[in-house]
Amino acid sequence: MSFSKEQLQIYWRRNLKYIFMLLTIWFTVSYLFGIILVDTLDKIKIGGYPLGFWFACQGSEMIFVVLIAIYVKLMNKLDKDFGVAEV
């Protein structure tokens, strides 16, 4: 199966768009919420612990795992759209 250069570029652009979008979310959660905004978030308590502490200790890792699952789903759909999905 061969694809035109334009189809390959569309596929790659959509892949990069997904990566950029998901990494932006991860950066926001891990860096901004876990480091920069930690003092502001510490005013909110979840389970007796400050929210900033939660983001710094667990939030970024949990969000990263969820984002991996979302990326897999997005890429499977993209592969189906282009007819290159695994069976």
PDB file of N, CA and C in Angstrom:
ATOM      1  N   MET A   1       0.855  -1.174   0.000  1.00  0.00           N
ATOM      2  CA  MET A   1       0.000   0.000   0.000  1.00  0.00           C
ATOM      3  C   MET A   1       0.898   1.233   0.000  1.00  0.00           C
ATOM      4  N   SER A   2       0.673   2.097  -0.958  1.00  0.00           N
ATOM      5  CA  SER A   2       1.491   3.305  -1.000  1.00  0.00           C
ATOM      6  C   SER A   2       0.605   4.534  -0.815  1.00  0.00           C
ATOM      7  N   PHE A   3       1.196   5.528  -0.227  1.00  0.00           N
ATOM      8  CA  PHE A   3       0.478   6.761   0.064  1.00  0.00           C
ATOM      9  C   PHE A   3       1.163   7.917  -0.644  1.00  0.00           C
ATOM     10  N   SER A   4       0.376   8.901  -0.961  1.00  0.00           N
ATOM     11  CA  SER A   4       0.960  10.095  -1.566  1.00  0.00           C
ATOM     12  C   SER A   4       1.693  10.890  -0.493  1.00  0.00           C
ATOM     13  N   LYS A   5       2.552  11.756  -0.942  1.00  0.00           N
ATOM     14  CA  LYS A   5       3.306  12.603  -0.013  1.00  0.00           C
ATOM     15  C   LYS A   5       2.345  13.458   0.822  1.00  0.00           C
ATOM     16  N   GLU A   6       1.263  13.917   0.199  1.00  0.00           N
ATOM     17  CA  GLU A   6       0.284  14.751   0.906  1.00  0.00           C
ATOM     18  C   GLU A   6      -0.414  13.964   2.014  1.00  0.00           C
ATOM     19  N   GLN A   7      -0.760  12.706   1.749  1.00  0.00           N
ATOM     20  CA  GLN A   7      -1.393  11.877   2.773  1.00  0.00           C
ATOM     21  C   GLN A   7      -0.449  11.632   3.939  1.00  0.00           C
ATOM     22  N   LEU A   8       0.804  11.370   3.632  1.00  0.00           N
ATOM     23  CA  LEU A   8       1.794  11.162   4.688  1.00  0.00           C
ATOM     24  C   LEU A   8       1.971  12.415   5.541  1.00  0.00           C
ATOM     25  N   GLN A   9       1.959  13.575   4.902  1.00  0.00           N
ATOM     26  CA  GLN A   9       2.091  14.829   5.655  1.00  0.00           C
ATOM     27  C   GLN A   9       0.872  15.068   6.538  1.00  0.00           C
ATOM     28  N   ILE A  10      -0.319  14.766   6.037  1.00  0.00           N
ATOM     29  CA  ILE A  10      -1.537  14.935   6.841  1.00  0.00           C
ATOM     30  C   ILE A  10      -1.478  14.019   8.054  1.00  0.00           C
ATOM     31  N   TYR A  11      -1.099  12.767   7.826  1.00  0.00           N
ATOM     32  CA  TYR A  11      -0.981  11.797   8.926  1.00  0.00           C
ATOM     33  C   TYR A  11       0.009  12.296   9.974  1.00  0.00           C
ATOM     34  N   TRP A  12       1.183  12.727   9.522  1.00  0.00           N
ATOM     35  CA  TRP A  12       2.228  13.182  10.445  1.00  0.00           C
ATOM     36  C   TRP A  12       1.797  14.448  11.186  1.00  0.00           C
ATOM     37  N   ARG A  13       1.138  15.390  10.489  1.00  0.00           N
ATOM     38  CA  ARG A  13       0.676  16.615  11.157  1.00  0.00           C
ATOM     39  C   ARG A  13      -0.333  16.304  12.246  1.00  0.00           C
ATOM     40  N   ARG A  14      -1.255  15.383  11.957  1.00  0.00           N
ATOM     41  CA  ARG A  14      -2.233  15.018  12.984  1.00  0.00           C
ATOM     42  C   ARG A  14      -1.562  14.332  14.167  1.00  0.00           C
ATOM     43  N   ASN A  15      -0.576  13.486  13.900  1.00  0.00           N
ATOM     44  CA  ASN A  15       0.174  12.839  14.970  1.00  0.00           C
ATOM     45  C   ASN A  15       0.890  13.880  15.830  1.00  0.00           C
ATOM     46  N   LEU A  16       1.554  14.831  15.198  1.00  0.00           N
ATOM     47  CA  LEU A  16       2.242  15.887  15.948  1.00  0.00           C
ATOM     48  C   LEU A  16       1.262  16.753  16.736  1.00  0.00           C
ATOM     49  N   LYS A  17       0.090  16.998  16.174  1.00  0.00           N
ATOM     50  CA  LYS A  17      -0.939  17.761  16.880  1.00  0.00           C
ATOM     51  C   LYS A  17      -1.355  17.033  18.157  1.00  0.00           C
ATOM     52  N   TYR A  18      -1.568  15.719  18.063  1.00  0.00           N
ATOM     53  CA  TYR A  18      -1.920  14.922  19.249  1.00  0.00           C
ATOM     54  C   TYR A  18      -0.808  14.978  20.286  1.00  0.00           C
ATOM     55  N   ILE A  19       0.435  14.807  19.845  1.00  0.00           N
ATOM     56  CA  ILE A  19       1.566  14.822  20.771  1.00  0.00           C
ATOM     57  C   ILE A  19       1.679  16.181  21.459  1.00  0.00           C
ATOM     58  N   PHE A  20       1.594  17.254  20.696  1.00  0.00           N
ATOM     59  CA  PHE A  20       1.701  18.589  21.269  1.00  0.00           C
ATOM     60  C   PHE A  20       0.581  18.852  22.275  1.00  0.00           C
ATOM     61  N   MET A  21      -0.646  18.471  21.927  1.00  0.00           N
ATOM     62  CA  MET A  21      -1.787  18.680  22.807  1.00  0.00           C
ATOM     63  C   MET A  21      -1.619  17.912  24.127  1.00  0.00           C
ATOM     64  N   LEU A  22      -1.227  16.657  24.032  1.00  0.00           N
ATOM     65  CA  LEU A  22      -1.086  15.835  25.237  1.00  0.00           C
ATOM     66  C   LEU A  22       0.111  16.261  26.086  1.00  0.00           C
ATOM     67  N   LEU A  23       1.211  16.636  25.458  1.00  0.00           N
ATOM     68  CA  LEU A  23       2.363  17.115  26.228  1.00  0.00           C
ATOM     69  C   LEU A  23       2.079  18.456  26.897  1.00  0.00           C
ATOM     70  N   THR A  24       1.262  19.283  26.268  1.00  0.00           N
ATOM     71  CA  THR A  24       0.859  20.547  26.883  1.00  0.00           C
ATOM     72  C   THR A  24       0.051  20.291  28.151  1.00  0.00           C
ATOM     73  N   ILE A  25      -0.857  19.333  28.081  1.00  0.00           N
ATOM     74  CA  ILE A  25      -1.638  18.969  29.276  1.00  0.00           C
ATOM     75  C   ILE A  25      -0.706  18.437  30.358  1.00  0.00           C
ATOM     76  N   TRP A  26       0.216  17.559  29.985  1.00  0.00           N
ATOM     77  CA  TRP A  26       1.127  16.988  30.974  1.00  0.00           C
ATOM     78  C   TRP A  26       2.014  18.064  31.590  1.00  0.00           C
ATOM     79  N   PHE A  27       2.528  18.980  30.773  1.00  0.00           N
ATOM     80  CA  PHE A  27       3.343  20.074  31.285  1.00  0.00           C
ATOM     81  C   PHE A  27       2.545  20.921  32.272  1.00  0.00           C
ATOM     82  N   THR A  28       1.313  21.224  31.915  1.00  0.00           N
ATOM     83  CA  THR A  28       0.469  22.036  32.787  1.00  0.00           C
ATOM     84  C   THR A  28       0.272  21.361  34.135  1.00  0.00           C
ATOM     85  N   VAL A  29      -0.017  20.079  34.105  1.00  0.00           N
ATOM     86  CA  VAL A  29      -0.264  19.358  35.357  1.00  0.00           C
ATOM     87  C   VAL A  29       1.015  19.180  36.157  1.00  0.00           C
ATOM     88  N   SER A  30       2.080  18.752  35.510  1.00  0.00           N
ATOM     89  CA  SER A  30       3.293  18.425  36.272  1.00  0.00           C
ATOM     90  C   SER A  30       4.104  19.646  36.670  1.00  0.00           C
ATOM     91  N   TYR A  31       4.287  20.583  35.762  1.00  0.00           N
ATOM     92  CA  TYR A  31       5.158  21.719  36.069  1.00  0.00           C
ATOM     93  C   TYR A  31       4.392  22.873  36.708  1.00  0.00           C
ATOM     94  N   LEU A  32       3.326  23.297  36.060  1.00  0.00           N
ATOM     95  CA  LEU A  32       2.596  24.451  36.599  1.00  0.00           C
ATOM     96  C   LEU A  32       1.877  24.109  37.904  1.00  0.00           C
ATOM     97  N   PHE A  33       1.094  23.021  37.891  1.00  0.00           N
ATOM     98  CA  PHE A  33       0.345  22.678  39.102  1.00  0.00           C
ATOM     99  C   PHE A  33       1.242  22.108  40.190  1.00  0.00           C
ATOM    100  N   GLY A  34       2.244  21.323  39.793  1.00  0.00           N
ATOM    101  CA  GLY A  34       3.097  20.658  40.775  1.00  0.00           C
ATOM    102  C   GLY A  34       4.214  21.517  41.325  1.00  0.00           C
ATOM    103  N   ILE A  35       4.603  22.595  40.630  1.00  0.00           N
ATOM    104  CA  ILE A  35       5.731  23.407  41.090  1.00  0.00           C
ATOM    105  C   ILE A  35       5.356  24.884  41.224  1.00  0.00           C
ATOM    106  N   ILE A  36       4.888  25.494  40.149  1.00  0.00           N
ATOM    107  CA  ILE A  36       4.662  26.938  40.132  1.00  0.00           C
ATOM    108  C   ILE A  36       3.443  27.340  40.961  1.00  0.00           C
ATOM    109  N   LEU A  37       2.341  26.647  40.800  1.00  0.00           N
ATOM    110  CA  LEU A  37       1.094  27.024  41.478  1.00  0.00           C
ATOM    111  C   LEU A  37       0.829  26.229  42.754  1.00  0.00           C
ATOM    112  N   VAL A  38       1.857  25.569  43.258  1.00  0.00           N
ATOM    113  CA  VAL A  38       1.666  24.692  44.416  1.00  0.00           C
ATOM    114  C   VAL A  38       1.143  25.450  45.643  1.00  0.00           C
ATOM    115  N   ASP A  39       1.626  26.648  45.894  1.00  0.00           N
ATOM    116  CA  ASP A  39       1.174  27.399  47.072  1.00  0.00           C
ATOM    117  C   ASP A  39      -0.306  27.757  46.978  1.00  0.00           C
ATOM    118  N   THR A  40      -0.747  28.123  45.801  1.00  0.00           N
ATOM    119  CA  THR A  40      -2.154  28.446  45.592  1.00  0.00           C
ATOM    120  C   THR A  40      -3.015  27.200  45.731  1.00  0.00           C
ATOM    121  N   LEU A  41      -2.569  26.084  45.156  1.00  0.00           N
ATOM    122  CA  LEU A  41      -3.340  24.850  45.214  1.00  0.00           C
ATOM    123  C   LEU A  41      -3.346  24.227  46.602  1.00  0.00           C
ATOM    124  N   ASP A  42      -2.355  24.538  47.424  1.00  0.00           N
ATOM    125  CA  ASP A  42      -2.296  23.980  48.780  1.00  0.00           C
ATOM    126  C   ASP A  42      -3.446  24.458  49.656  1.00  0.00           C
ATOM    127  N   LYS A  43      -4.141  25.490  49.256  1.00  0.00           N
ATOM    128  CA  LYS A  43      -5.286  25.977  50.031  1.00  0.00           C
ATOM    129  C   LYS A  43      -6.483  25.047  49.906  1.00  0.00           C
ATOM    130  N   ILE A  44      -6.470  24.182  48.891  1.00  0.00           N
ATOM    131  CA  ILE A  44      -7.548  23.215  48.673  1.00  0.00           C
ATOM    132  C   ILE A  44      -7.076  21.869  49.210  1.00  0.00           C
ATOM    133  N   LYS A  45      -7.917  21.217  49.998  1.00  0.00           N
ATOM    134  CA  LYS A  45      -7.562  19.919  50.596  1.00  0.00           C
ATOM    135  C   LYS A  45      -8.373  18.803  49.937  1.00  0.00           C
ATOM    136  N   ILE A  46      -7.697  17.687  49.651  1.00  0.00           N
ATOM    137  CA  ILE A  46      -8.350  16.482  49.150  1.00  0.00           C
ATOM    138  C   ILE A  46      -7.874  15.324  50.015  1.00  0.00           C
ATOM    139  N   GLY A  47      -8.802  14.684  50.699  1.00  0.00           N
ATOM    140  CA  GLY A  47      -8.435  13.576  51.584  1.00  0.00           C
ATOM    141  C   GLY A  47      -7.509  14.002  52.699  1.00  0.00           C
ATOM    142  N   GLY A  48      -7.587  15.253  53.117  1.00  0.00           N
ATOM    143  CA  GLY A  48      -6.746  15.755  54.188  1.00  0.00           C
ATOM    144  C   GLY A  48      -5.381  16.265  53.734  1.00  0.00           C
ATOM    145  N   TYR A  49      -5.079  16.115  52.456  1.00  0.00           N
ATOM    146  CA  TYR A  49      -3.795  16.564  51.936  1.00  0.00           C
ATOM    147  C   TYR A  49      -3.988  17.765  51.015  1.00  0.00           C
ATOM    148  N   PRO A  50      -3.043  18.689  51.018  1.00  0.00           N
ATOM    149  CA  PRO A  50      -3.139  19.845  50.115  1.00  0.00           C
ATOM    150  C   PRO A  50      -3.097  19.399  48.646  1.00  0.00           C
ATOM    151  N   LEU A  51      -3.871  20.047  47.808  1.00  0.00           N
ATOM    152  CA  LEU A  51      -3.951  19.695  46.399  1.00  0.00           C
ATOM    153  C   LEU A  51      -2.599  19.862  45.697  1.00  0.00           C
ATOM    154  N   GLY A  52      -1.834  20.881  46.049  1.00  0.00           N
ATOM    155  CA  GLY A  52      -0.508  21.075  45.462  1.00  0.00           C
ATOM    156  C   GLY A  52       0.418  19.909  45.762  1.00  0.00           C
ATOM    157  N   PHE A  53       0.354  19.394  46.982  1.00  0.00           N
ATOM    158  CA  PHE A  53       1.141  18.221  47.370  1.00  0.00           C
ATOM    159  C   PHE A  53       0.717  17.011  46.539  1.00  0.00           C
ATOM    160  N   TRP A  54      -0.599  16.867  46.347  1.00  0.00           N
ATOM    161  CA  TRP A  54      -1.114  15.743  45.570  1.00  0.00           C
ATOM    162  C   TRP A  54      -0.594  15.798  44.135  1.00  0.00           C
ATOM    163  N   PHE A  55      -0.644  16.988  43.520  1.00  0.00           N
ATOM    164  CA  PHE A  55      -0.148  17.120  42.152  1.00  0.00           C
ATOM    165  C   PHE A  55       1.345  16.838  42.084  1.00  0.00           C
ATOM    166  N   ALA A  56       2.096  17.330  43.042  1.00  0.00           N
ATOM    167  CA  ALA A  56       3.545  17.150  43.027  1.00  0.00           C
ATOM    168  C   ALA A  56       3.930  15.683  43.220  1.00  0.00           C
ATOM    169  N   CYS A  57       3.195  14.966  44.059  1.00  0.00           N
ATOM    170  CA  CYS A  57       3.566  13.581  44.367  1.00  0.00           C
ATOM    171  C   CYS A  57       2.936  12.550  43.439  1.00  0.00           C
ATOM    172  N   GLN A  58       1.659  12.715  43.136  1.00  0.00           N
ATOM    173  CA  GLN A  58       0.954  11.687  42.382  1.00  0.00           C
ATOM    174  C   GLN A  58       0.325  12.175  41.091  1.00  0.00           C
ATOM    175  N   GLY A  59      -0.069  13.416  41.063  1.00  0.00           N
ATOM    176  CA  GLY A  59      -0.863  13.927  39.952  1.00  0.00           C
ATOM    177  C   GLY A  59      -0.221  13.801  38.597  1.00  0.00           C
ATOM    178  N   SER A  60       1.038  14.192  38.483  1.00  0.00           N
ATOM    179  CA  SER A  60       1.671  14.160  37.163  1.00  0.00           C
ATOM    180  C   SER A  60       1.845  12.732  36.655  1.00  0.00           C
ATOM    181  N   GLU A  61       2.156  11.795  37.539  1.00  0.00           N
ATOM    182  CA  GLU A  61       2.316  10.405  37.111  1.00  0.00           C
ATOM    183  C   GLU A  61       0.987   9.807  36.675  1.00  0.00           C
ATOM    184  N   MET A  62      -0.067  10.076  37.428  1.00  0.00           N
ATOM    185  CA  MET A  62      -1.380   9.535  37.084  1.00  0.00           C
ATOM    186  C   MET A  62      -1.891  10.141  35.776  1.00  0.00           C
ATOM    187  N   ILE A  63      -1.717  11.429  35.622  1.00  0.00           N
ATOM    188  CA  ILE A  63      -2.140  12.093  34.392  1.00  0.00           C
ATOM    189  C   ILE A  63      -1.333  11.554  33.209  1.00  0.00           C
ATOM    190  N   PHE A  64      -0.040  11.315  33.389  1.00  0.00           N
ATOM    191  CA  PHE A  64       0.792  10.795  32.311  1.00  0.00           C
ATOM    192  C   PHE A  64       0.286   9.433  31.837  1.00  0.00           C
ATOM    193  N   VAL A  65      -0.081   8.561  32.755  1.00  0.00           N
ATOM    194  CA  VAL A  65      -0.607   7.242  32.389  1.00  0.00           C
ATOM    195  C   VAL A  65      -1.918   7.387  31.622  1.00  0.00           C
ATOM    196  N   VAL A  66      -2.784   8.285  32.072  1.00  0.00           N
ATOM    197  CA  VAL A  66      -4.056   8.529  31.378  1.00  0.00           C
ATOM    198  C   VAL A  66      -3.781   9.088  29.977  1.00  0.00           C
ATOM    199  N   LEU A  67      -2.828   9.994  29.856  1.00  0.00           N
ATOM    200  CA  LEU A  67      -2.501  10.577  28.559  1.00  0.00           C
ATOM    201  C   LEU A  67      -1.924   9.537  27.593  1.00  0.00           C
ATOM    202  N   ILE A  68      -1.194   8.569  28.105  1.00  0.00           N
ATOM    203  CA  ILE A  68      -0.698   7.488  27.253  1.00  0.00           C
ATOM    204  C   ILE A  68      -1.874   6.701  26.684  1.00  0.00           C
ATOM    205  N   ALA A  69      -2.854   6.387  27.528  1.00  0.00           N
ATOM    206  CA  ALA A  69      -4.041   5.661  27.060  1.00  0.00           C
ATOM    207  C   ALA A  69      -4.809   6.478  26.024  1.00  0.00           C
ATOM    208  N   ILE A  70      -4.922   7.769  26.245  1.00  0.00           N
ATOM    209  CA  ILE A  70      -5.606   8.642  25.280  1.00  0.00           C
ATOM    210  C   ILE A  70      -4.842   8.665  23.963  1.00  0.00           C
ATOM    211  N   TYR A  71      -3.512   8.741  24.020  1.00  0.00           N
ATOM    212  CA  TYR A  71      -2.699   8.758  22.804  1.00  0.00           C
ATOM    213  C   TYR A  71      -2.882   7.463  22.009  1.00  0.00           C
ATOM    214  N   VAL A  72      -2.901   6.343  22.700  1.00  0.00           N
ATOM    215  CA  VAL A  72      -3.101   5.060  22.025  1.00  0.00           C
ATOM    216  C   VAL A  72      -4.446   5.044  21.312  1.00  0.00           C
ATOM    217  N   LYS A  73      -5.472   5.530  21.994  1.00  0.00           N
ATOM    218  CA  LYS A  73      -6.803   5.576  21.389  1.00  0.00           C
ATOM    219  C   LYS A  73      -6.839   6.492  20.163  1.00  0.00           C
ATOM    220  N   LEU A  74      -6.239   7.665  20.296  1.00  0.00           N
ATOM    221  CA  LEU A  74      -6.197   8.609  19.174  1.00  0.00           C
ATOM    222  C   LEU A  74      -5.431   8.031  17.986  1.00  0.00           C
ATOM    223  N   MET A  75      -4.309   7.394  18.255  1.00  0.00           N
ATOM    224  CA  MET A  75      -3.502   6.845  17.162  1.00  0.00           C
ATOM    225  C   MET A  75      -4.181   5.645  16.515  1.00  0.00           C
ATOM    226  N   ASN A  76      -4.881   4.829  17.291  1.00  0.00           N
ATOM    227  CA  ASN A  76      -5.625   3.722  16.698  1.00  0.00           C
ATOM    228  C   ASN A  76      -6.701   4.244  15.753  1.00  0.00           C
ATOM    229  N   LYS A  77      -7.383   5.311  16.169  1.00  0.00           N
ATOM    230  CA  LYS A  77      -8.401   5.922  15.305  1.00  0.00           C
ATOM    231  C   LYS A  77      -7.755   6.517  14.052  1.00  0.00           C
ATOM    232  N   LEU A  78      -6.636   7.191  14.214  1.00  0.00           N
ATOM    233  CA  LEU A  78      -5.931   7.780  13.077  1.00  0.00           C
ATOM    234  C   LEU A  78      -5.487   6.680  12.101  1.00  0.00           C
ATOM    235  N   ASP A  79      -4.955   5.589  12.635  1.00  0.00           N
ATOM    236  CA  ASP A  79      -4.544   4.474  11.784  1.00  0.00           C
ATOM    237  C   ASP A  79      -5.728   3.895  11.013  1.00  0.00           C
ATOM    238  N   LYS A  80      -6.879   3.771  11.676  1.00  0.00           N
ATOM    239  CA  LYS A  80      -8.079   3.277  10.992  1.00  0.00           C
ATOM    240  C   LYS A  80      -8.508   4.237   9.892  1.00  0.00           C
ATOM    241  N   ASP A  81      -8.445   5.523  10.179  1.00  0.00           N
ATOM    242  CA  ASP A  81      -8.826   6.535   9.173  1.00  0.00           C
ATOM    243  C   ASP A  81      -7.950   6.453   7.926  1.00  0.00           C
ATOM    244  N   PHE A  82      -6.682   6.074   8.106  1.00  0.00           N
ATOM    245  CA  PHE A  82      -5.753   6.002   6.978  1.00  0.00           C
ATOM    246  C   PHE A  82      -5.587   4.582   6.438  1.00  0.00           C
ATOM    247  N   GLY A  83      -6.326   3.644   7.027  1.00  0.00           N
ATOM    248  CA  GLY A  83      -6.275   2.268   6.538  1.00  0.00           C
ATOM    249  C   GLY A  83      -5.007   1.514   6.851  1.00  0.00           C
ATOM    250  N   VAL A  84      -4.339   1.879   7.938  1.00  0.00           N
ATOM    251  CA  VAL A  84      -3.114   1.189   8.314  1.00  0.00           C
ATOM    252  C   VAL A  84      -3.210   0.586   9.713  1.00  0.00           C
ATOM    253  N   ALA A  85      -4.436   0.368  10.168  1.00  0.00           N
ATOM    254  CA  ALA A  85      -4.636  -0.170  11.516  1.00  0.00           C
ATOM    255  C   ALA A  85      -4.190  -1.625  11.594  1.00  0.00           C
ATOM    256  N   GLU A  86      -3.714  -2.002  12.753  1.00  0.00           N
ATOM    257  CA  GLU A  86      -3.347  -3.400  12.988  1.00  0.00           C
ATOM    258  C   GLU A  86      -4.617  -4.204  13.192  1.00  0.00           C
ATOM    259  N   VAL A  87      -4.560  -5.434  12.749  1.00  0.00           N
ATOM    260  CA  VAL A  87      -5.755  -6.281  12.858  1.00  0.00           C
ATOM    261  C   VAL A  87      -5.835  -6.931  14.202  1.00  0.00           C
TER     262      VAL A  87
END
